[in-house]
């Protein structure tokens, strides 16, 4: 934060208003097509106000990434601290993440564009960081359930990426015109798939192991 602030504009809520305006504009137009003038114009502020809180446009973008990381970290911490069984634990996490997408549609639209779409001129950043946070949490949740005897032995990495791929279904519904999809279908798909990991169904849902060829004599 710049120690010099413009008179009359040092308001506790102004930083948040600028942040929210930037998220909406970046999501709609892209980082490179959005000017500082447009951002401050949305909230009736001036450029010096933005520079006071964020130093520049790049600093504003990085503050958005930081906000997204804080939101994700809070959701994952709650899931990791839960003592419910594996299936309910993951389903609750899934519902919470989907609710976060719905409540912060512009933020997730922006992140989705920056992670997966062609570059928009935004500053370079570690695009693997946010997905890796989620993958690490899912591996931990699965490993804890496996140690408690709740699930079958499986590839923890595959379980984590499986969950990540199903989360993409929620993105698809929220960020695309696929409105005919029932609102609860992502969670129904998750429950349907995860029942195959429960011990009481393990006998009928065995995961085939990769056969190893013996070396020829």
Protein backbone atom coordinates (compact mmCIF):
# COMPACT_ATOMS: atom_id res chain seq x y z
CA UNK A 1 0.00 0.00 0.00
CA UNK A 2 1.29 3.43 -0.94
CA UNK A 3 1.76 5.56 2.23
CA UNK A 4 0.51 8.65 0.38
CA UNK A 5 -3.27 8.57 0.07
CA UNK A 6 -5.56 11.05 -1.69
CA UNK A 7 -7.50 13.36 0.65
CA UNK A 8 -11.11 12.39 1.22
CA UNK A 9 -10.78 8.97 -0.45
CA UNK A 10 -9.25 6.94 2.38
CA UNK A 11 -12.38 4.91 3.14
CA UNK A 12 -12.33 1.36 4.56
CA UNK A 13 -14.84 0.20 1.95
CA UNK A 14 -13.20 1.86 -1.05
CA UNK A 15 -10.52 -0.80 -1.43
CA UNK A 16 -13.15 -3.53 -1.57
CA UNK A 17 -15.26 -1.56 -4.06
CA UNK A 18 -12.28 -1.11 -6.38
CA UNK A 19 -11.45 -4.81 -6.03
CA UNK A 20 -15.01 -5.88 -6.88
CA UNK A 21 -15.21 -3.50 -9.84
CA UNK A 22 -11.94 -4.85 -11.21
CA UNK A 23 -13.11 -8.45 -10.86
CA UNK A 24 -16.31 -7.69 -12.80
CA UNK A 25 -14.51 -5.81 -15.57
CA UNK A 26 -11.64 -8.29 -15.90
CA UNK A 27 -14.18 -11.13 -16.10
CA UNK A 28 -16.19 -9.33 -18.78
CA UNK A 29 -13.46 -7.75 -20.91
CA UNK A 30 -10.20 -9.39 -19.88
CA UNK A 31 -7.26 -7.85 -18.06
CA UNK A 32 -5.62 -6.35 -21.13
CA UNK A 33 -8.82 -4.70 -22.38
CA UNK A 34 -9.64 -3.01 -19.06
CA UNK A 35 -8.15 0.34 -18.12
CA UNK A 36 -7.54 1.82 -14.69
CA UNK A 37 -9.82 4.70 -15.68
CA UNK A 38 -12.70 2.26 -16.28
CA UNK A 39 -12.17 0.54 -12.94
CA UNK A 40 -12.17 3.68 -10.80
CA UNK A 41 -15.01 5.11 -12.88
CA UNK A 42 -17.22 2.19 -11.80
CA UNK A 43 -16.97 3.25 -8.15
CA UNK A 44 -16.67 7.02 -8.55
CA UNK A 45 -13.05 7.07 -7.38
CA UNK A 46 -9.85 8.45 -8.88
CA UNK A 47 -6.67 6.83 -10.15
CA UNK A 48 -4.64 7.95 -7.09
CA UNK A 49 -7.10 6.01 -4.90
CA UNK A 50 -6.37 2.82 -6.82
CA UNK A 51 -2.64 3.49 -6.71
CA UNK A 52 -2.84 4.06 -2.94
CA UNK A 53 -4.38 0.65 -2.26
CA UNK A 54 -2.77 -1.44 -5.01
CA UNK A 55 0.15 0.62 -6.42
CA UNK A 56 -0.84 -0.21 -10.00
CA UNK A 57 -3.06 -2.39 -12.17
CA UNK A 58 -0.78 -5.40 -11.76
CA UNK A 59 -0.93 -5.02 -7.99
CA UNK A 60 -4.72 -4.97 -8.24
CA UNK A 61 -4.71 -8.21 -10.24
CA UNK A 62 -2.44 -9.91 -7.73
CA UNK A 63 -4.72 -8.76 -4.90
CA UNK A 64 -7.58 -10.54 -6.70
CA UNK A 65 -5.50 -13.74 -6.85
CA UNK A 66 -4.71 -13.37 -3.15
CA UNK A 67 -8.40 -12.98 -2.33
CA UNK A 68 -9.23 -16.11 -4.33
CA UNK A 69 -6.50 -18.06 -2.54
CA UNK A 70 -7.82 -16.97 0.86
CA UNK A 71 -11.34 -18.09 -0.05
CA UNK A 72 -10.11 -21.46 -1.29
CA UNK A 73 -7.85 -21.97 1.73
CA UNK A 74 -10.74 -21.31 4.12
CA UNK A 75 -12.98 -23.83 2.32
CA UNK A 76 -10.26 -26.49 2.28
CA UNK A 77 -9.36 -25.92 5.93
CA UNK A 78 -12.98 -26.54 6.90
CA UNK A 79 -13.06 -29.77 4.88
CA UNK A 80 -9.76 -30.98 6.32
CA UNK A 81 -10.99 -30.29 9.84
CA UNK A 82 -14.21 -32.24 9.36
CA UNK A 83 -14.64 -35.59 11.13
CA UNK A 84 -17.44 -36.92 8.93
CA UNK A 85 -17.07 -40.03 6.78
CA UNK A 86 -15.35 -39.91 3.43
CA UNK A 87 -18.41 -39.68 1.17
CA UNK A 88 -20.15 -36.96 3.15
CA UNK A 89 -16.88 -35.12 3.64
CA UNK A 90 -16.21 -34.88 -0.09
CA UNK A 91 -19.84 -34.14 -0.95
CA UNK A 92 -19.91 -31.30 1.58
CA UNK A 93 -16.67 -29.91 0.13
CA UNK A 94 -18.12 -30.19 -3.36
CA UNK A 95 -21.32 -28.36 -2.34
CA UNK A 96 -19.29 -25.63 -0.64
CA UNK A 97 -17.09 -25.13 -3.70
CA UNK A 98 -20.14 -25.04 -5.98
CA UNK A 99 -21.78 -22.48 -3.69
CA UNK A 100 -18.59 -20.43 -3.86
CA UNK A 101 -18.73 -20.50 -7.65
CA UNK A 102 -22.35 -19.32 -7.57
CA UNK A 103 -21.66 -16.53 -5.05
CA UNK A 104 -18.51 -15.32 -6.78
CA UNK A 105 -19.40 -15.92 -10.42
CA UNK A 106 -17.29 -13.07 -11.83
CA UNK A 107 -14.26 -14.11 -9.80
CA UNK A 108 -14.45 -17.72 -10.98
CA UNK A 109 -15.15 -16.61 -14.54
CA UNK A 110 -12.01 -14.48 -14.39
CA UNK A 111 -9.91 -17.27 -12.89
CA UNK A 112 -11.24 -19.80 -15.38
CA UNK A 113 -10.30 -17.51 -18.27
CA UNK A 114 -6.82 -16.87 -16.89
CA UNK A 115 -6.16 -20.54 -16.11
CA UNK A 116 -7.51 -22.22 -19.22
CA UNK A 117 -8.11 -19.68 -22.01
CA UNK A 118 -5.62 -17.85 -24.26
CA UNK A 119 -3.63 -15.10 -22.49
CA UNK A 120 -5.47 -11.82 -21.87
CA UNK A 121 -2.40 -9.75 -21.10
CA UNK A 122 -2.52 -10.40 -17.35
CA UNK A 123 0.75 -10.54 -15.36
CA UNK A 124 2.40 -13.93 -15.21
CA UNK A 125 1.52 -16.06 -12.18
CA UNK A 126 1.64 -19.68 -11.04
CA UNK A 127 -1.43 -21.19 -12.71
CA UNK A 128 -0.91 -24.54 -11.01
CA UNK A 129 -1.07 -23.16 -7.46
CA UNK A 130 -4.86 -23.13 -6.95
CA UNK A 131 -5.52 -26.57 -8.51
CA UNK A 132 -2.62 -28.02 -6.52
CA UNK A 133 -4.10 -26.74 -3.25
CA UNK A 134 -7.30 -28.64 -3.99
CA UNK A 135 -5.50 -31.79 -5.19
CA UNK A 136 -3.38 -31.89 -2.05
CA UNK A 137 -6.46 -31.57 0.17
CA UNK A 138 -8.31 -34.37 -1.65
CA UNK A 139 -5.31 -36.69 -1.35
CA UNK A 140 -5.20 -36.02 2.39
CA UNK A 141 -8.94 -36.62 2.82
CA UNK A 142 -8.70 -39.89 0.89
CA UNK A 143 -5.59 -41.08 2.76
CA UNK A 144 -7.23 -40.38 6.13
CA UNK A 145 -10.35 -42.31 5.07
CA UNK A 146 -8.20 -45.20 3.82
CA UNK A 147 -6.34 -45.38 7.13
CA UNK A 148 -9.67 -45.50 8.97
CA UNK A 149 -10.80 -48.36 6.75
CA UNK A 150 -13.64 -46.41 5.12
CA UNK A 151 -12.55 -46.84 1.50
CA UNK A 152 -10.82 -49.34 -0.72
CA UNK A 153 -7.18 -49.13 -1.69
CA UNK A 154 -6.90 -46.90 -4.74
CA UNK A 155 -4.55 -44.45 -6.43
CA UNK A 156 -4.75 -41.27 -4.32
CA UNK A 157 -3.63 -39.13 -7.25
CA UNK A 158 -6.37 -40.59 -9.45
CA UNK A 159 -8.96 -39.91 -6.73
CA UNK A 160 -7.81 -36.30 -6.48
CA UNK A 161 -7.89 -35.69 -10.23
CA UNK A 162 -11.22 -37.46 -10.48
CA UNK A 163 -12.68 -34.99 -7.97
CA UNK A 164 -11.11 -32.07 -9.86
CA UNK A 165 -12.63 -33.28 -13.13
CA UNK A 166 -16.09 -33.47 -11.57
CA UNK A 167 -15.68 -29.95 -10.23
CA UNK A 168 -15.33 -28.95 -13.87
CA UNK A 169 -18.94 -30.02 -14.29
CA UNK A 170 -19.97 -27.31 -11.85
CA UNK A 171 -17.88 -24.79 -13.80
CA UNK A 172 -19.57 -25.95 -16.99
CA UNK A 173 -23.02 -25.37 -15.60
CA UNK A 174 -22.23 -21.97 -14.09
CA UNK A 175 -20.08 -20.50 -16.84
CA UNK A 176 -21.71 -21.86 -20.00
CA UNK A 177 -25.17 -21.79 -21.60
CA UNK A 178 -25.79 -25.40 -20.48
CA UNK A 179 -28.81 -24.34 -18.42
CA UNK A 180 -30.87 -27.47 -19.05
CA UNK A 181 -28.56 -29.37 -16.70
CA UNK A 182 -30.36 -29.91 -13.34
CA UNK A 183 -28.83 -27.80 -10.60
CA UNK A 184 -28.03 -30.83 -8.46
CA UNK A 185 -26.55 -33.01 -11.20
CA UNK A 186 -22.88 -32.38 -10.30
CA UNK A 187 -23.50 -33.57 -6.73
CA UNK A 188 -25.55 -36.55 -7.95
CA UNK A 189 -22.72 -37.55 -10.29
CA UNK A 190 -20.23 -37.24 -7.44
CA UNK A 191 -22.30 -39.40 -5.10
CA UNK A 192 -22.88 -41.99 -7.80
CA UNK A 193 -19.17 -42.24 -8.58
CA UNK A 194 -17.92 -42.23 -4.98
CA UNK A 195 -20.12 -45.09 -3.84
CA UNK A 196 -17.71 -47.29 -5.75
CA UNK A 197 -15.03 -46.43 -3.18
CA UNK A 198 -17.04 -47.57 -0.19
CA UNK A 199 -15.99 -50.85 1.38
CA UNK A 200 -19.44 -52.42 1.29
CA UNK A 201 -19.40 -52.17 -2.52
CA UNK A 202 -15.75 -53.02 -3.01
CA UNK A 203 -16.54 -56.62 -3.95
CA UNK A 204 -18.50 -55.49 -7.00
CA UNK A 205 -16.35 -52.45 -7.83
CA UNK A 206 -12.84 -53.84 -7.84
CA UNK A 207 -10.33 -51.64 -9.60
CA UNK A 208 -8.26 -53.74 -11.99
CA UNK A 209 -4.54 -53.54 -11.40
CA UNK A 210 -2.13 -53.10 -14.26
CA UNK A 211 -0.60 -56.42 -15.16
CA UNK A 212 3.17 -56.61 -15.22
CA UNK A 213 4.78 -58.46 -18.08
CA UNK A 214 7.54 -60.82 -17.16
CA UNK A 215 10.77 -60.19 -18.99
CA UNK A 216 11.49 -62.63 -21.75
CA UNK A 217 14.25 -65.12 -21.20
